[in-house]
Protein backbone atom coordinates (compact mmCIF):
# COMPACT_ATOMS: atom_id res chain seq x y z
CA MET A 1 17.82 1.19 -4.87
CA PHE A 2 16.36 -1.78 -2.68
CA PHE A 3 17.03 -3.66 0.42
CA THR A 4 15.81 -7.37 1.01
CA LEU A 5 14.09 -7.94 4.37
CA ASN A 6 17.07 -9.95 5.48
CA GLU A 7 19.50 -7.11 4.61
CA THR A 8 17.11 -4.78 6.39
CA SER A 9 16.96 -7.01 9.52
CA VAL A 10 20.65 -7.21 9.77
CA ARG A 11 21.06 -3.46 9.17
CA TRP A 12 18.66 -2.78 11.87
CA ASP A 13 19.60 -5.67 14.28
CA CYS A 14 15.91 -6.85 14.46
CA SER A 15 13.94 -9.82 13.18
CA ILE A 16 11.97 -9.90 9.78
CA ALA A 17 8.84 -10.08 12.05
CA ASP A 18 9.57 -6.68 13.51
CA ILE A 19 9.96 -5.28 9.90
CA ALA A 20 6.59 -6.96 8.95
CA GLY A 21 5.09 -5.45 11.97
CA TRP A 22 6.18 -1.94 11.05
CA ALA A 23 4.67 -2.62 7.61
CA ALA A 24 1.57 -3.83 8.81
CA ALA A 25 1.32 -0.63 11.12
CA GLY A 26 1.86 1.42 7.99
CA LYS A 27 5.33 2.53 8.72
CA LEU A 28 6.97 0.77 5.96
CA LYS A 29 6.17 -0.62 2.38
CA ILE A 30 7.16 -4.16 1.47
CA ARG A 31 7.36 -4.44 -2.33
CA THR A 32 8.13 -7.05 -4.93
CA GLY A 33 8.06 -7.44 -8.81
CA ILE A 34 5.30 -9.53 -10.34
CA ALA A 35 4.36 -10.72 -13.73
CA LEU A 36 1.08 -9.63 -15.38
CA VAL A 37 -2.09 -10.28 -13.27
CA LEU A 38 -5.50 -9.06 -13.65
CA CYS A 39 -7.50 -7.20 -10.95
CA GLY A 40 -10.98 -7.27 -12.22
CA THR A 41 -10.44 -5.61 -15.82
CA VAL A 42 -7.06 -3.99 -14.61
CA PRO A 43 -3.75 -5.33 -15.69
CA VAL A 44 -0.97 -5.00 -13.33
CA ALA A 45 2.62 -5.95 -13.49
CA GLY A 46 6.06 -4.79 -12.14
CA CYS A 47 6.61 -3.26 -8.79
CA VAL A 48 3.69 -3.74 -6.35
CA ILE A 49 3.17 -3.18 -2.67
CA LEU A 50 2.32 -6.32 -0.44
CA SER A 51 0.04 -6.43 2.54
CA ALA A 52 2.19 -7.55 5.42
CA MET A 53 -0.98 -8.76 7.34
CA GLU A 54 -1.85 -11.10 4.43
CA LEU A 55 1.40 -12.72 4.59
CA LEU A 56 1.67 -13.02 8.26
CA PRO A 57 2.40 -16.73 8.55
CA LEU A 58 5.67 -15.90 6.75
CA PHE A 59 6.96 -13.81 9.70
CA ARG A 60 6.71 -16.14 12.50
CA ARG A 61 9.38 -15.35 15.16
CA ASN A 62 10.07 -18.97 15.80
CA GLY A 63 11.00 -19.80 12.19
CA THR A 64 8.23 -22.34 11.57
CA GLY A 65 6.52 -20.30 8.82
CA PRO A 66 6.75 -21.21 5.16
CA SER A 67 9.12 -19.36 2.68
CA GLU A 68 6.31 -18.22 0.51
CA GLY A 69 2.70 -17.25 0.71
CA MET A 70 -0.12 -16.44 -1.54
CA MET A 71 -0.87 -12.88 -2.13
CA ARG A 72 -4.27 -12.11 -3.14
CA ARG A 73 -4.18 -8.24 -2.79
CA ILE A 74 -1.56 -5.84 -4.22
CA MET A 75 -1.30 -2.14 -4.48
CA PRO A 76 0.42 -0.36 -7.37
CA PRO A 77 3.00 2.09 -6.05
CA ASP A 78 1.03 5.06 -7.65
CA SER A 79 -2.22 4.01 -5.83
CA THR A 80 -3.65 4.23 -2.32
CA GLU A 81 -6.19 1.35 -2.91
CA TRP A 82 -5.52 -2.39 -2.60
CA LEU A 83 -6.56 -4.26 -5.68
CA ILE A 84 -7.83 -8.01 -5.80
CA ILE A 85 -6.05 -10.24 -7.98
CA THR A 86 -8.71 -12.05 -10.06
CA GLU A 87 -6.46 -13.92 -12.56
CA PRO A 88 -4.82 -16.07 -11.58
CA ALA A 89 -7.80 -16.87 -9.36
CA GLY A 90 -5.80 -18.07 -6.30
CA GLY A 91 -3.52 -15.05 -6.26
CA ILE A 92 0.18 -15.22 -6.88
CA ALA A 93 3.12 -16.89 -4.67
CA VAL A 94 5.55 -14.41 -3.21
CA ALA A 95 8.66 -15.62 -1.40
CA VAL A 96 10.33 -13.85 1.51
CA ALA A 97 13.45 -13.61 -0.57
CA ASP A 98 11.65 -11.41 -3.19
CA MET A 99 10.37 -8.86 -0.72
CA LEU A 100 12.04 -5.49 -0.86
CA ILE A 101 12.14 -2.09 0.88
CA LEU A 102 13.15 0.96 -1.05
CA ALA A 103 16.49 2.26 0.08
CA GLU A 104 14.87 5.84 0.49
CA ASP A 105 12.31 4.16 2.66
CA VAL A 106 14.86 2.44 4.81
CA SER A 107 16.79 5.90 5.27
CA ALA A 108 13.67 7.81 5.90
CA PHE A 109 12.66 5.20 8.58
CA GLU A 110 15.97 5.35 10.28
CA ASP A 111 15.86 9.18 10.41
CA GLU A 112 12.34 9.20 11.82
CA ASN A 113 13.28 6.66 14.44
CA ASP A 114 16.74 7.92 15.47
CA MET A 115 18.34 4.50 14.40
CA VAL A 116 22.12 4.40 14.18
CA ARG A 117 23.24 3.17 10.82
CA LYS A 118 25.80 0.39 10.63
CA PRO A 119 28.60 1.98 8.69
CA TRP A 120 29.37 -1.43 6.85
CA LEU A 121 25.91 -1.67 5.69
CA SER A 122 25.58 2.06 4.67
CA THR A 123 24.32 3.04 1.25
CA GLN A 124 27.38 5.31 1.08
CA PRO A 125 30.66 4.04 -0.34
CA ARG A 126 33.03 2.65 2.24
CA THR A 127 36.80 3.48 2.39
CA ILE A 128 39.27 1.22 3.98
CA SER A 129 42.51 2.71 5.28
CA SER A 130 45.57 0.59 5.68
C-alpha cells in the first residue's frame, strides 16, 4: 500500500533529497499518519499530505540534517488546501522514517517518467526458480 522514502530511494536508485524535490515540485505527495490536531476549528487525524518545502532541512544531500522536523501545515488527502495546525501550537514532529508515498503514486511516477522497475522491489509477487 505504501513505500517509505528509503524504500523508494532504493527502488529508484536516487537520494531522498531527489524524492523531496519531486514532491516540492508537485510530482509526488509525501504522506504520514498523525494523531488528532486542530487546524483552527477543524479536527484532523489520520493520513495527511506533508509539505516537502517545509521539511527541507531533513533532506540535505550531505546527511547533516535532523531526523525529524516540525510540521505546521498539513493537507488532508481529500483537500487541495493547506491547513495550519493551531493545536498543538508549535505543530507536530514528523520523522523521515514515518514519511510514505502511496504505492499507486510510485507506480504512476515510474510510468510517467519511463523508469525501469527493479524486479526484486516490484509490488508484484516474485518467483524464484531453482
